[in-house]
Amino acid sequence: MKSFKQYFFEAINGPKIIMIGGPGAGKSTYSEIITKKLNIPHIYTGDMMRQLAKQDTPDGRRVKDLLSKGQFAPLSIVINAVKERVSKPDAQKGYVFDGFPRNVEQAQRMEEEGIEYDHVINLVVSEEEVIKRLTARGREDDKPEIIKKRLQVYEKETRPLLDYFKNEIINIKAEGSTPEAIANEIIKKVKWSHLTN
């Protein structure tokens, strides 16, 4: 049973959330709403790597070269950037990871390095809805055939995380309602789980 001190600590500290979902599932949309409502940082590794690529440092130049070829930043660089970010004062009371970990290898390294998380949210969206959402954005890389390829990459790379985190997963149906309502549902589930774990 939890002591009063543990309950109090959890009540004043926000959750540490991992968002999992395929392309177009709404990871960034819900992460932004949740982090604003809970006043915790939105940690988006894609953005972090793009910012790093602008720096004239050995890591910055290496990441810039890889991103320009459509490749991912090396795991060690991603892990170091995340470790540094979660050590900052604003992340001490919680955060939302968006796009991290991207695969089982990243999840294992994250745990080895002591990067904490409390909850893993799996955004469940039908393929039909994903294609509808992404083609509506009208971006050059949002053509149906490219979207299908990205979904295949997700199935191969990221979906195995659902097995890896199976005991911590909270499934959320991320369609058929407003982003605000879905974000509120995530907050409600996370808060309840936070108190009952």
N, C-alpha and C. Protein backbone atom coordinates (compact mmCIF):
# COMPACT_ATOMS: atom_id res chain seq x y z
N MET A 1 0.83 -1.20 0.00
CA MET A 1 0.00 0.00 0.00
C MET A 1 0.87 1.26 0.00
N LYS A 2 0.42 2.29 -0.71
CA LYS A 2 1.20 3.53 -0.79
C LYS A 2 1.05 4.34 0.50
N SER A 3 2.15 5.00 0.87
CA SER A 3 2.09 5.89 2.02
C SER A 3 1.50 7.22 1.59
N PHE A 4 1.10 8.04 2.56
CA PHE A 4 0.57 9.37 2.26
C PHE A 4 1.62 10.18 1.50
N LYS A 5 2.89 10.01 1.91
CA LYS A 5 3.99 10.74 1.27
C LYS A 5 4.06 10.42 -0.23
N GLN A 6 3.90 9.12 -0.59
CA GLN A 6 3.93 8.73 -2.00
C GLN A 6 2.76 9.35 -2.77
N TYR A 7 1.55 9.29 -2.15
CA TYR A 7 0.37 9.88 -2.80
C TYR A 7 0.58 11.37 -3.02
N PHE A 8 1.12 12.04 -1.98
CA PHE A 8 1.33 13.49 -2.06
C PHE A 8 2.34 13.80 -3.16
N PHE A 9 3.44 13.01 -3.20
CA PHE A 9 4.48 13.23 -4.21
C PHE A 9 3.90 13.07 -5.61
N GLU A 10 3.06 12.03 -5.82
CA GLU A 10 2.48 11.81 -7.13
C GLU A 10 1.45 12.88 -7.49
N ALA A 11 0.76 13.39 -6.46
CA ALA A 11 -0.27 14.41 -6.72
C ALA A 11 0.37 15.72 -7.19
N ILE A 12 1.55 16.06 -6.63
CA ILE A 12 2.18 17.33 -7.02
C ILE A 12 3.07 17.16 -8.25
N ASN A 13 3.40 15.92 -8.59
CA ASN A 13 4.20 15.67 -9.78
C ASN A 13 3.33 15.17 -10.90
N GLY A 14 3.53 15.74 -12.07
CA GLY A 14 2.76 15.30 -13.22
C GLY A 14 3.28 13.95 -13.72
N PRO A 15 2.54 13.33 -14.62
CA PRO A 15 2.97 12.04 -15.15
C PRO A 15 4.09 12.17 -16.18
N LYS A 16 4.83 11.08 -16.34
CA LYS A 16 5.86 10.98 -17.39
C LYS A 16 5.30 10.01 -18.42
N ILE A 17 4.89 10.56 -19.57
CA ILE A 17 4.11 9.80 -20.55
C ILE A 17 4.89 9.54 -21.83
N ILE A 18 4.75 8.32 -22.36
CA ILE A 18 5.25 7.99 -23.70
C ILE A 18 4.04 7.89 -24.61
N MET A 19 4.07 8.61 -25.72
CA MET A 19 2.99 8.54 -26.72
C MET A 19 3.40 7.63 -27.86
N ILE A 20 2.60 6.60 -28.12
CA ILE A 20 2.87 5.71 -29.25
C ILE A 20 1.69 5.78 -30.21
N GLY A 21 1.99 5.81 -31.49
CA GLY A 21 0.94 5.83 -32.50
C GLY A 21 1.57 5.93 -33.87
N GLY A 22 0.90 5.42 -34.86
CA GLY A 22 1.43 5.46 -36.23
C GLY A 22 1.37 6.87 -36.81
N PRO A 23 1.81 7.02 -38.06
CA PRO A 23 1.71 8.33 -38.72
C PRO A 23 0.25 8.79 -38.73
N GLY A 24 0.03 10.06 -38.40
CA GLY A 24 -1.34 10.59 -38.43
C GLY A 24 -2.20 10.21 -37.26
N ALA A 25 -1.62 9.55 -36.24
CA ALA A 25 -2.42 9.16 -35.06
C ALA A 25 -2.70 10.36 -34.17
N GLY A 26 -1.91 11.42 -34.32
CA GLY A 26 -2.14 12.64 -33.53
C GLY A 26 -1.24 12.79 -32.32
N LYS A 27 -0.08 12.13 -32.35
CA LYS A 27 0.83 12.18 -31.19
C LYS A 27 1.16 13.62 -30.78
N SER A 28 1.58 14.42 -31.77
CA SER A 28 1.99 15.80 -31.44
C SER A 28 0.80 16.65 -31.02
N THR A 29 -0.34 16.46 -31.69
CA THR A 29 -1.55 17.24 -31.36
C THR A 29 -1.95 17.00 -29.90
N TYR A 30 -2.06 15.72 -29.51
CA TYR A 30 -2.49 15.41 -28.13
C TYR A 30 -1.40 15.78 -27.13
N SER A 31 -0.14 15.57 -27.51
CA SER A 31 0.97 15.92 -26.60
C SER A 31 0.93 17.40 -26.27
N GLU A 32 0.69 18.24 -27.29
CA GLU A 32 0.66 19.69 -27.06
C GLU A 32 -0.47 20.08 -26.12
N ILE A 33 -1.66 19.50 -26.34
CA ILE A 33 -2.81 19.84 -25.47
C ILE A 33 -2.54 19.39 -24.04
N ILE A 34 -2.06 18.16 -23.89
CA ILE A 34 -1.82 17.59 -22.55
C ILE A 34 -0.75 18.38 -21.80
N THR A 35 0.35 18.70 -22.48
CA THR A 35 1.44 19.41 -21.79
C THR A 35 1.01 20.81 -21.37
N LYS A 36 0.15 21.46 -22.18
CA LYS A 36 -0.36 22.79 -21.78
C LYS A 36 -1.26 22.66 -20.57
N LYS A 37 -2.15 21.67 -20.59
CA LYS A 37 -3.11 21.50 -19.48
C LYS A 37 -2.41 21.12 -18.18
N LEU A 38 -1.37 20.28 -18.27
CA LEU A 38 -0.68 19.80 -17.06
C LEU A 38 0.56 20.63 -16.73
N ASN A 39 0.88 21.60 -17.60
CA ASN A 39 2.04 22.47 -17.41
C ASN A 39 3.34 21.67 -17.26
N ILE A 40 3.53 20.72 -18.17
CA ILE A 40 4.76 19.93 -18.22
C ILE A 40 5.31 20.01 -19.65
N PRO A 41 6.62 19.76 -19.86
CA PRO A 41 7.17 19.92 -21.20
C PRO A 41 6.79 18.82 -22.19
N HIS A 42 6.69 19.23 -23.45
CA HIS A 42 6.43 18.34 -24.59
C HIS A 42 7.80 18.05 -25.19
N ILE A 43 8.27 16.81 -25.06
CA ILE A 43 9.62 16.45 -25.52
C ILE A 43 9.50 15.70 -26.84
N TYR A 44 9.78 16.42 -27.92
CA TYR A 44 9.61 15.90 -29.27
C TYR A 44 10.99 15.71 -29.88
N THR A 45 11.44 14.46 -29.97
CA THR A 45 12.82 14.21 -30.41
C THR A 45 13.06 14.64 -31.86
N GLY A 46 12.03 14.58 -32.70
CA GLY A 46 12.19 15.03 -34.09
C GLY A 46 12.63 16.48 -34.15
N ASP A 47 11.97 17.32 -33.36
CA ASP A 47 12.32 18.74 -33.27
C ASP A 47 13.71 18.93 -32.68
N MET A 48 14.00 18.15 -31.64
CA MET A 48 15.31 18.27 -30.97
C MET A 48 16.45 17.97 -31.95
N MET A 49 16.25 16.96 -32.78
CA MET A 49 17.29 16.60 -33.76
C MET A 49 17.40 17.66 -34.86
N ARG A 50 16.26 18.23 -35.26
CA ARG A 50 16.32 19.31 -36.28
C ARG A 50 17.05 20.53 -35.72
N GLN A 51 16.84 20.83 -34.44
CA GLN A 51 17.54 21.96 -33.80
C GLN A 51 19.04 21.66 -33.71
N LEU A 52 19.36 20.42 -33.34
CA LEU A 52 20.77 20.01 -33.22
C LEU A 52 21.47 20.13 -34.57
N ALA A 53 20.76 19.78 -35.65
CA ALA A 53 21.34 19.83 -37.01
C ALA A 53 21.72 21.25 -37.42
N LYS A 54 21.18 22.26 -36.74
CA LYS A 54 21.51 23.65 -37.06
C LYS A 54 22.80 24.10 -36.37
N GLN A 55 23.30 23.28 -35.43
CA GLN A 55 24.48 23.67 -34.65
C GLN A 55 25.77 23.22 -35.34
N ASP A 56 26.76 24.11 -35.31
CA ASP A 56 28.04 23.78 -35.95
C ASP A 56 28.94 23.05 -34.94
N THR A 57 28.52 21.83 -34.59
CA THR A 57 29.28 20.97 -33.68
C THR A 57 29.44 19.62 -34.39
N PRO A 58 30.35 18.75 -33.91
CA PRO A 58 30.49 17.43 -34.57
C PRO A 58 29.15 16.67 -34.62
N ASP A 59 28.41 16.65 -33.50
CA ASP A 59 27.11 15.97 -33.48
C ASP A 59 26.12 16.66 -34.41
N GLY A 60 26.12 17.99 -34.38
CA GLY A 60 25.20 18.76 -35.22
C GLY A 60 25.42 18.49 -36.70
N ARG A 61 26.70 18.48 -37.11
CA ARG A 61 27.03 18.24 -38.52
C ARG A 61 26.67 16.81 -38.93
N ARG A 62 26.90 15.87 -38.02
CA ARG A 62 26.58 14.46 -38.31
C ARG A 62 25.07 14.26 -38.49
N VAL A 63 24.31 14.86 -37.58
CA VAL A 63 22.84 14.73 -37.64
C VAL A 63 22.31 15.43 -38.90
N LYS A 64 22.85 16.60 -39.21
CA LYS A 64 22.42 17.33 -40.41
C LYS A 64 22.62 16.48 -41.66
N ASP A 65 23.78 15.83 -41.75
CA ASP A 65 24.09 14.99 -42.90
C ASP A 65 23.09 13.82 -43.00
N LEU A 66 22.81 13.16 -41.87
CA LEU A 66 21.88 12.02 -41.86
C LEU A 66 20.46 12.45 -42.21
N LEU A 67 20.00 13.56 -41.60
CA LEU A 67 18.63 14.03 -41.86
C LEU A 67 18.46 14.43 -43.32
N SER A 68 19.51 15.01 -43.91
CA SER A 68 19.42 15.43 -45.32
C SER A 68 19.28 14.23 -46.26
N LYS A 69 19.69 13.04 -45.78
CA LYS A 69 19.55 11.81 -46.59
C LYS A 69 18.28 11.04 -46.22
N GLY A 70 17.46 11.64 -45.34
CA GLY A 70 16.23 10.97 -44.92
C GLY A 70 16.47 9.87 -43.91
N GLN A 71 17.64 9.89 -43.25
CA GLN A 71 17.97 8.87 -42.24
C GLN A 71 17.75 9.42 -40.85
N PHE A 72 17.76 8.51 -39.86
CA PHE A 72 17.55 8.92 -38.47
C PHE A 72 18.87 9.25 -37.78
N ALA A 73 18.78 10.08 -36.75
CA ALA A 73 19.96 10.40 -35.94
C ALA A 73 20.40 9.15 -35.18
N PRO A 74 21.71 9.01 -34.90
CA PRO A 74 22.19 7.84 -34.17
C PRO A 74 21.57 7.76 -32.77
N LEU A 75 21.39 6.52 -32.31
CA LEU A 75 20.75 6.28 -31.02
C LEU A 75 21.46 6.99 -29.87
N SER A 76 22.80 6.95 -29.86
CA SER A 76 23.55 7.56 -28.75
C SER A 76 23.28 9.07 -28.67
N ILE A 77 23.17 9.73 -29.82
CA ILE A 77 22.91 11.17 -29.84
C ILE A 77 21.50 11.46 -29.34
N VAL A 78 20.53 10.67 -29.78
CA VAL A 78 19.13 10.85 -29.34
C VAL A 78 19.04 10.66 -27.83
N ILE A 79 19.64 9.57 -27.33
CA ILE A 79 19.58 9.26 -25.89
C ILE A 79 20.21 10.38 -25.07
N ASN A 80 21.38 10.86 -25.50
CA ASN A 80 22.06 11.94 -24.76
C ASN A 80 21.22 13.21 -24.74
N ALA A 81 20.58 13.53 -25.88
CA ALA A 81 19.73 14.73 -25.95
C ALA A 81 18.53 14.59 -25.01
N VAL A 82 17.92 13.40 -24.98
CA VAL A 82 16.75 13.17 -24.11
C VAL A 82 17.17 13.23 -22.64
N LYS A 83 18.31 12.61 -22.31
CA LYS A 83 18.79 12.64 -20.91
C LYS A 83 19.01 14.06 -20.43
N GLU A 84 19.63 14.86 -21.30
CA GLU A 84 19.90 16.26 -20.96
C GLU A 84 18.58 17.03 -20.77
N ARG A 85 17.61 16.75 -21.66
CA ARG A 85 16.31 17.47 -21.58
C ARG A 85 15.54 17.13 -20.32
N VAL A 86 15.50 15.83 -19.95
CA VAL A 86 14.71 15.46 -18.76
C VAL A 86 15.38 15.86 -17.45
N SER A 87 16.66 16.26 -17.53
CA SER A 87 17.36 16.70 -16.32
C SER A 87 17.07 18.17 -16.01
N LYS A 88 16.43 18.89 -16.94
CA LYS A 88 16.15 20.32 -16.72
C LYS A 88 15.03 20.50 -15.69
N PRO A 89 15.04 21.63 -14.97
CA PRO A 89 14.07 21.83 -13.89
C PRO A 89 12.60 21.67 -14.29
N ASP A 90 12.23 22.15 -15.49
CA ASP A 90 10.81 22.08 -15.87
C ASP A 90 10.33 20.65 -16.11
N ALA A 91 11.27 19.70 -16.29
CA ALA A 91 10.88 18.31 -16.55
C ALA A 91 10.84 17.47 -15.27
N GLN A 92 11.16 18.09 -14.14
CA GLN A 92 11.21 17.31 -12.90
C GLN A 92 9.83 16.87 -12.43
N LYS A 93 8.80 17.60 -12.85
CA LYS A 93 7.45 17.22 -12.41
C LYS A 93 6.64 16.48 -13.48
N GLY A 94 7.32 16.05 -14.54
CA GLY A 94 6.62 15.29 -15.57
C GLY A 94 6.92 15.80 -16.96
N TYR A 95 6.55 14.99 -17.97
CA TYR A 95 6.75 15.37 -19.37
C TYR A 95 6.00 14.39 -20.26
N VAL A 96 5.91 14.74 -21.55
CA VAL A 96 5.32 13.83 -22.54
C VAL A 96 6.35 13.61 -23.64
N PHE A 97 6.72 12.34 -23.86
CA PHE A 97 7.60 11.98 -24.97
C PHE A 97 6.76 11.77 -26.22
N ASP A 98 7.14 12.46 -27.28
CA ASP A 98 6.43 12.37 -28.56
C ASP A 98 7.43 11.87 -29.60
N GLY A 99 7.22 10.65 -30.10
CA GLY A 99 8.14 10.09 -31.09
C GLY A 99 9.38 9.45 -30.48
N PHE A 100 9.35 9.21 -29.19
CA PHE A 100 10.45 8.54 -28.49
C PHE A 100 9.88 7.71 -27.35
N PRO A 101 10.33 6.47 -27.18
CA PRO A 101 11.24 5.73 -28.03
C PRO A 101 10.54 5.32 -29.33
N ARG A 102 11.33 5.21 -30.41
CA ARG A 102 10.76 4.90 -31.71
C ARG A 102 10.74 3.39 -31.97
N ASN A 103 11.58 2.65 -31.25
CA ASN A 103 11.65 1.20 -31.43
C ASN A 103 12.11 0.54 -30.14
N VAL A 104 12.15 -0.79 -30.13
CA VAL A 104 12.49 -1.53 -28.91
C VAL A 104 13.92 -1.23 -28.47
N GLU A 105 14.85 -1.09 -29.42
CA GLU A 105 16.24 -0.78 -29.05
C GLU A 105 16.32 0.53 -28.28
N GLN A 106 15.58 1.56 -28.75
CA GLN A 106 15.57 2.84 -28.03
C GLN A 106 14.95 2.69 -26.64
N ALA A 107 13.89 1.88 -26.54
CA ALA A 107 13.23 1.66 -25.24
C ALA A 107 14.18 0.99 -24.26
N GLN A 108 14.93 0.01 -24.74
CA GLN A 108 15.88 -0.69 -23.86
C GLN A 108 16.98 0.25 -23.39
N ARG A 109 17.51 1.06 -24.32
CA ARG A 109 18.56 2.02 -23.95
C ARG A 109 18.02 3.07 -22.98
N MET A 110 16.80 3.50 -23.22
CA MET A 110 16.16 4.49 -22.35
C MET A 110 16.12 3.95 -20.91
N GLU A 111 15.71 2.69 -20.77
CA GLU A 111 15.62 2.10 -19.42
C GLU A 111 17.01 1.89 -18.81
N GLU A 112 17.96 1.46 -19.64
CA GLU A 112 19.35 1.29 -19.15
C GLU A 112 19.92 2.60 -18.62
N GLU A 113 19.55 3.70 -19.28
CA GLU A 113 20.08 5.02 -18.91
C GLU A 113 19.27 5.67 -17.78
N GLY A 114 18.24 4.99 -17.32
CA GLY A 114 17.46 5.51 -16.19
C GLY A 114 16.51 6.64 -16.56
N ILE A 115 16.14 6.73 -17.84
CA ILE A 115 15.16 7.75 -18.26
C ILE A 115 13.77 7.22 -17.88
N GLU A 116 13.09 7.96 -17.03
CA GLU A 116 11.85 7.44 -16.42
C GLU A 116 10.60 7.68 -17.27
N TYR A 117 9.61 6.80 -17.07
CA TYR A 117 8.27 6.98 -17.63
C TYR A 117 7.28 6.30 -16.69
N ASP A 118 6.04 6.81 -16.66
CA ASP A 118 5.00 6.22 -15.82
C ASP A 118 3.95 5.50 -16.65
N HIS A 119 3.63 6.08 -17.81
CA HIS A 119 2.50 5.59 -18.62
C HIS A 119 2.87 5.55 -20.09
N VAL A 120 2.30 4.56 -20.79
CA VAL A 120 2.51 4.45 -22.24
C VAL A 120 1.13 4.51 -22.89
N ILE A 121 0.90 5.59 -23.65
CA ILE A 121 -0.39 5.77 -24.32
C ILE A 121 -0.28 5.26 -25.75
N ASN A 122 -1.15 4.33 -26.12
CA ASN A 122 -1.21 3.84 -27.50
C ASN A 122 -2.43 4.44 -28.18
N LEU A 123 -2.18 5.30 -29.17
CA LEU A 123 -3.26 5.96 -29.90
C LEU A 123 -3.76 5.04 -31.01
N VAL A 124 -4.99 4.59 -30.87
CA VAL A 124 -5.55 3.62 -31.81
C VAL A 124 -6.38 4.35 -32.87
N VAL A 125 -5.93 4.26 -34.14
CA VAL A 125 -6.60 4.93 -35.24
C VAL A 125 -6.64 3.96 -36.43
N SER A 126 -7.77 3.90 -37.12
CA SER A 126 -7.88 3.01 -38.28
C SER A 126 -7.02 3.52 -39.43
N GLU A 127 -6.57 2.59 -40.29
CA GLU A 127 -5.74 2.97 -41.44
C GLU A 127 -6.50 3.94 -42.35
N GLU A 128 -7.79 3.69 -42.51
CA GLU A 128 -8.65 4.55 -43.35
C GLU A 128 -8.62 6.00 -42.84
N GLU A 129 -8.74 6.15 -41.51
CA GLU A 129 -8.73 7.48 -40.89
C GLU A 129 -7.36 8.14 -41.05
N VAL A 130 -6.29 7.36 -40.89
CA VAL A 130 -4.93 7.89 -41.03
C VAL A 130 -4.72 8.45 -42.44
N ILE A 131 -5.11 7.68 -43.45
CA ILE A 131 -4.94 8.13 -44.84
C ILE A 131 -5.77 9.39 -45.10
N LYS A 132 -6.99 9.41 -44.54
CA LYS A 132 -7.86 10.59 -44.69
C LYS A 132 -7.21 11.83 -44.05
N ARG A 133 -6.70 11.67 -42.84
CA ARG A 133 -6.08 12.80 -42.12
C ARG A 133 -4.85 13.31 -42.85
N LEU A 134 -3.97 12.39 -43.24
CA LEU A 134 -2.70 12.81 -43.81
C LEU A 134 -2.85 13.38 -45.21
N THR A 135 -3.74 12.82 -46.02
CA THR A 135 -3.93 13.39 -47.37
C THR A 135 -4.58 14.77 -47.27
N ALA A 136 -5.37 15.00 -46.22
CA ALA A 136 -6.02 16.30 -46.02
C ALA A 136 -5.00 17.40 -45.71
N ARG A 137 -3.81 17.01 -45.19
CA ARG A 137 -2.79 18.02 -44.87
C ARG A 137 -2.19 18.63 -46.13
N GLY A 138 -2.24 17.85 -47.22
CA GLY A 138 -1.77 18.36 -48.51
C GLY A 138 -0.28 18.53 -48.66
N ARG A 139 0.51 17.86 -47.80
CA ARG A 139 1.96 17.98 -47.93
C ARG A 139 2.48 17.08 -49.05
N GLU A 140 3.64 17.44 -49.58
CA GLU A 140 4.24 16.70 -50.70
C GLU A 140 4.43 15.21 -50.36
N ASP A 141 4.83 14.93 -49.09
CA ASP A 141 5.10 13.53 -48.72
C ASP A 141 3.86 12.84 -48.13
N ASP A 142 2.69 13.44 -48.32
CA ASP A 142 1.46 12.84 -47.79
C ASP A 142 0.57 12.26 -48.90
N LYS A 143 1.21 11.63 -49.87
CA LYS A 143 0.45 10.94 -50.92
C LYS A 143 0.12 9.53 -50.41
N PRO A 144 -1.04 8.96 -50.82
CA PRO A 144 -1.45 7.66 -50.29
C PRO A 144 -0.38 6.57 -50.35
N GLU A 145 0.39 6.50 -51.47
CA GLU A 145 1.39 5.42 -51.57
C GLU A 145 2.54 5.62 -50.58
N ILE A 146 2.91 6.90 -50.33
CA ILE A 146 3.97 7.20 -49.35
C ILE A 146 3.46 6.93 -47.94
N ILE A 147 2.21 7.31 -47.68
CA ILE A 147 1.60 7.06 -46.36
C ILE A 147 1.60 5.56 -46.06
N LYS A 148 1.24 4.75 -47.08
CA LYS A 148 1.22 3.29 -46.87
C LYS A 148 2.60 2.77 -46.52
N LYS A 149 3.65 3.34 -47.17
CA LYS A 149 5.04 2.94 -46.87
C LYS A 149 5.37 3.30 -45.42
N ARG A 150 4.95 4.52 -45.00
CA ARG A 150 5.24 4.96 -43.63
C ARG A 150 4.52 4.07 -42.62
N LEU A 151 3.32 3.63 -42.97
CA LEU A 151 2.58 2.71 -42.09
C LEU A 151 3.31 1.37 -41.99
N GLN A 152 3.91 0.93 -43.10
CA GLN A 152 4.67 -0.33 -43.07
C GLN A 152 5.90 -0.20 -42.17
N VAL A 153 6.57 0.96 -42.24
CA VAL A 153 7.74 1.21 -41.38
C VAL A 153 7.30 1.20 -39.91
N TYR A 154 6.16 1.83 -39.64
CA TYR A 154 5.62 1.85 -38.27
C TYR A 154 5.37 0.42 -37.78
N GLU A 155 4.73 -0.40 -38.61
CA GLU A 155 4.41 -1.79 -38.24
C GLU A 155 5.68 -2.56 -37.89
N LYS A 156 6.73 -2.34 -38.68
CA LYS A 156 7.98 -3.09 -38.48
C LYS A 156 8.79 -2.55 -37.31
N GLU A 157 8.90 -1.19 -37.22
CA GLU A 157 9.79 -0.57 -36.24
C GLU A 157 9.14 -0.31 -34.89
N THR A 158 7.94 0.30 -34.92
CA THR A 158 7.36 0.84 -33.69
C THR A 158 6.33 -0.07 -33.05
N ARG A 159 5.53 -0.77 -33.84
CA ARG A 159 4.49 -1.61 -33.24
C ARG A 159 5.03 -2.63 -32.23
N PRO A 160 6.25 -3.20 -32.42
CA PRO A 160 6.77 -4.12 -31.40
C PRO A 160 6.86 -3.50 -29.99
N LEU A 161 6.87 -2.16 -29.91
CA LEU A 161 6.88 -1.50 -28.60
C LEU A 161 5.63 -1.85 -27.79
N LEU A 162 4.53 -2.14 -28.48
CA LEU A 162 3.29 -2.48 -27.77
C LEU A 162 3.47 -3.76 -26.98
N ASP A 163 4.23 -4.71 -27.52
CA ASP A 163 4.54 -5.93 -26.76
C ASP A 163 5.54 -5.64 -25.65
N TYR A 164 6.54 -4.80 -25.99
CA TYR A 164 7.58 -4.47 -25.01
C TYR A 164 6.99 -3.81 -23.76
N PHE A 165 6.04 -2.90 -23.98
CA PHE A 165 5.44 -2.15 -22.87
C PHE A 165 4.08 -2.73 -22.43
N LYS A 166 3.79 -3.99 -22.81
CA LYS A 166 2.41 -4.49 -22.69
C LYS A 166 1.75 -4.28 -21.33
N ASN A 167 2.53 -4.30 -20.24
CA ASN A 167 1.93 -4.13 -18.91
C ASN A 167 1.61 -2.68 -18.56
N GLU A 168 2.19 -1.75 -19.31
CA GLU A 168 1.97 -0.32 -19.01
C GLU A 168 1.04 0.37 -20.01
N ILE A 169 0.65 -0.33 -21.07
CA ILE A 169 -0.11 0.31 -22.17
C ILE A 169 -1.51 0.74 -21.73
N ILE A 170 -1.86 1.98 -22.10
CA ILE A 170 -3.24 2.46 -21.99
C ILE A 170 -3.70 2.74 -23.42
N ASN A 171 -4.67 1.96 -23.91
CA ASN A 171 -5.17 2.16 -25.28
C ASN A 171 -6.21 3.28 -25.31
N ILE A 172 -6.06 4.19 -26.25
CA ILE A 172 -6.99 5.31 -26.40
C ILE A 172 -7.47 5.35 -27.85
N LYS A 173 -8.78 5.32 -28.04
CA LYS A 173 -9.33 5.45 -29.41
C LYS A 173 -9.19 6.92 -29.81
N ALA A 174 -8.31 7.17 -30.77
CA ALA A 174 -7.95 8.55 -31.12
C ALA A 174 -8.64 9.01 -32.39
N GLU A 175 -9.92 8.72 -32.54
CA GLU A 175 -10.71 9.21 -33.66
C GLU A 175 -12.17 9.27 -33.23
N GLY A 176 -12.98 9.98 -34.03
CA GLY A 176 -14.41 10.04 -33.74
C GLY A 176 -14.79 11.05 -32.68
N SER A 177 -13.83 11.91 -32.29
CA SER A 177 -14.10 12.95 -31.29
C SER A 177 -13.15 14.11 -31.54
N THR A 178 -13.28 15.18 -30.78
CA THR A 178 -12.39 16.34 -30.97
C THR A 178 -11.04 16.05 -30.31
N PRO A 179 -9.95 16.68 -30.80
CA PRO A 179 -8.64 16.49 -30.16
C PRO A 179 -8.68 16.83 -28.66
N GLU A 180 -9.43 17.89 -28.31
CA GLU A 180 -9.54 18.31 -26.91
C GLU A 180 -10.17 17.20 -26.05
N ALA A 181 -11.25 16.60 -26.57
CA ALA A 181 -11.94 15.54 -25.81
C ALA A 181 -11.05 14.31 -25.67
N ILE A 182 -10.31 13.97 -26.73
CA ILE A 182 -9.41 12.81 -26.67
C ILE A 182 -8.26 13.08 -25.70
N ALA A 183 -7.70 14.30 -25.73
CA ALA A 183 -6.63 14.67 -24.79
C ALA A 183 -7.14 14.60 -23.35
N ASN A 184 -8.38 15.06 -23.12
CA ASN A 184 -8.97 14.99 -21.76
C ASN A 184 -9.13 13.55 -21.30
N GLU A 185 -9.50 12.67 -22.22
CA GLU A 185 -9.64 11.24 -21.92
C GLU A 185 -8.29 10.64 -21.51
N ILE A 186 -7.23 11.04 -22.22
CA ILE A 186 -5.88 10.57 -21.87
C ILE A 186 -5.51 11.04 -20.47
N ILE A 187 -5.75 12.34 -20.18
CA ILE A 187 -5.41 12.89 -18.86
C ILE A 187 -6.18 12.15 -17.77
N LYS A 188 -7.46 11.90 -18.00
CA LYS A 188 -8.29 11.21 -17.00
C LYS A 188 -7.75 9.79 -16.72
N LYS A 189 -7.44 9.06 -17.81
CA LYS A 189 -6.92 7.68 -17.66
C LYS A 189 -5.57 7.69 -16.94
N VAL A 190 -4.72 8.63 -17.32
CA VAL A 190 -3.38 8.72 -16.73
C VAL A 190 -3.47 9.06 -15.25
N LYS A 191 -4.32 10.02 -14.91
CA LYS A 191 -4.45 10.42 -13.50
C LYS A 191 -4.99 9.27 -12.66
N TRP A 192 -5.97 8.55 -13.18
CA TRP A 192 -6.55 7.43 -12.44
C TRP A 192 -5.50 6.33 -12.26
N SER A 193 -4.79 6.04 -13.34
CA SER A 193 -3.75 5.00 -13.30
C SER A 193 -2.63 5.41 -12.33
N HIS A 194 -2.32 6.72 -12.34
CA HIS A 194 -1.26 7.27 -11.47
C HIS A 194 -1.57 7.02 -10.00
N LEU A 195 -2.85 7.11 -9.63
CA LEU A 195 -3.24 6.95 -8.24
C LEU A 195 -3.44 5.50 -7.84
N THR A 196 -3.77 4.64 -8.81
CA THR A 196 -4.08 3.26 -8.46
C THR A 196 -2.90 2.31 -8.60
N ASN A 197 -1.84 2.75 -9.28
CA ASN A 197 -0.66 1.87 -9.45
C ASN A 197 0.10 1.71 -8.16
